[in-house]
Every structure is written in C-alpha cells, then in structure tokens.
Amino acid sequence: MVRANGAVSLRELARVVQTSEVTVRRDVRALEAEGLLDRRHGGAVLPGGFTRESGFPQKSHLATAEKTAIADLAASFVEEGEAVVVGAGTTTQELARRLARIPGLTVVTNSLLVAQALAHANRVEVVMTGGTLRGSNYALVGSGAEQSLQGLRVTRAFLSGSGLTAERGLSTSNMLSASVDRALVQAAAEVVVLADHTKLGTDTMFQTVPTDLISRLVTDEPPAQDDRAGTELQALADQGVQIAVAGAGGAGGAGSGAGGAGVSGGADGVPAGRQPRRDVPLPGQRRTHTSGPGPQLRSAAAALTTQEPGERARVADLRRR
C-alpha cells in the first residue's frame, strides 16, 4: 500500500488488515528497521529522508479528523472584511472551505485547491498569484508567483508545511514551494501556521518560516504517548508562539505562548462574534486551583480586625469598590 500510494495511515492499515492499530504500529516499526518505509506519527511513507515529499492524494488521507478540527479553529480567527493570504496544502484547503462562509473577505492564494473551495463563495473575493503550476500539490510557484506578491499587505497569512520544530520553524521538502511561502509571509502582518501533531518535531529540507516570525500555531492535541509532539509544543510556547489547540471532534481551545498571552480578540480573548473555547493546557502543564478568598481578600480581612475605626471604614469602602 505504501509503494502504491506513497503514504498510508495506521488507521487505514488497521482497517484493511482487520487488526488493531497497536499491532499495525508494531509491524510498521519492524518494516522500518528493514529500510522498507519511514514511520510518521499516524502513518508511514516511502523512505527518502529530507528530500521526499508526498503528493496531494497521499497527504489528503493522513490525519483528516485533526485537519478538520484545526481548520474549524483557525477560521474563528478571521473577521468579516479582512484580507488574508492562504498558502497551499491539505489543511489550508480545509480552512478555505470554512472561509467561504465569512462575507466580505479578500483571499490571496497560490493554491488552485484553495481557490476552488472559494470559487462559489458569496461576497468573497479571490486573488490568485501568477506562476508555474506544480502538479503534485496544485500550487503556483516560481518567480511569477513571487513577483505578484510584491507590494501586497494583508492582516495575516495562513500557512502549512511538511514539518515544524522550535529550532527551525516551519519547513517543506520543495525549494520552489518554500520560496513562495516566504513571499506570502512577507505580505502579512501576522503569520498563523496550521500543523497537526504528526508534523511537530519533523524537520524537512527547506525552511519556510523561522520560529520568531510565527505568531500563532493552530494544532490538535497530541496523543498522551506522543512525547516528541508535546515537547515541541512546549518549546514553541517558550519562544513566544501562541498555541491554539483544537480537539479532533471540532472543539478547540486557545492556549498561550510565553508570557501567558492567549488568543487575541474580543473581551473573552476570542475574536468578536465567536464563542469562547475551552482552555487546553500544554502537555506537562498543570492547572492549580485554590479555594476560599484570595491573598488580597485575606489581607484586607486581617486589616479590618487590626486597624483603627477610621482606617477600618476606609478598607471596607475599598472592598466594596
């Protein structure tokens, strides 16, 4: 199946051979030891190291539930009337389907699939770059695409890629795709990376966006046993990247980057008009709960019992305020 498709998910393998994913994972590990394939979180691909990139048909079958949840959450950051750029990829294609519901948008893209998803959207203007068609991911690349982006300025860019690490940021396996993505980044005031947990900790050949230029990462909650993805999320947060975590069922949560900055927007920390989402702690983080009055209230209560009558009245008035 890997030879025929280039990549395959563990879930699909388990369905075909009618066994558990645990058994499939063990067998895939053995095949990797023989050099017949490379393991990826949630699946397996043909061996090839940094330079190999799976085509769109293969990518579209990997982590589909996670990509859907990520797209739902990412779309909630977009307001009516905004101008955004959306890069090529299977996750950004899912995002485009949701952006079609937001009126007044202008979407700049080099992806034929993104443009197709928005083609019949009411009150959404689609602007396509020039360039040469790259058939493996239905994207326009090359100098024509890059030149058409010069002088462009939008609120934010939504990008995906082949891998994401705290050390190098977002990366991809193709030089032409990386070059266009860098031009998309230059056009945006804010960069939002869409990457499911299978890409966390994976490093590929060409850097697209260094970590210090990534404003926010929208991802799914990695499995408890996936230590690499959890460690990478924490490292990204430590470098100031805001982490927004989406559940596989479509529920999402706004995490925070270093310094506790959550998802920006309305009074509840989410864009205006959107419903606030549950907070999801990063792996290894624990919430602490306290009961009873906080330290300030306790100190004020103590002051009431020890201060003179005039001072006691002033403290009581402060508490009422």
Foldseek 3Di string as FASTA:
>chain_A
DQVVQQKDFLVVVCVVVVHDSVVSVVVVVVCVVVQQWADFVGIIGGDDPQQDDGFQVRQCRGPVLFLLLLLLVVLQQDAAQFEEEEEFDNSSLSNLLVCLARANYEYEYQAPSSCVSNVPRPRYHYHYFAADADPRGRGHWDPRRLVSLPPAAGAEYEYEEQAAALQFGGFHNDPRSLVNLLSSLVRHPAYEYEDELRRYPDDHDGGRDGLLRHQEYRYEADDPPCVRSLVRVLSSLASFYWYKYGYSVNAIAWEGGPPGQTQCDDPLNTNPPDDHGHHDYGPPDDDDDDDDDDPVVVVLVVCLVPDDPVVNVVSVVVVVD
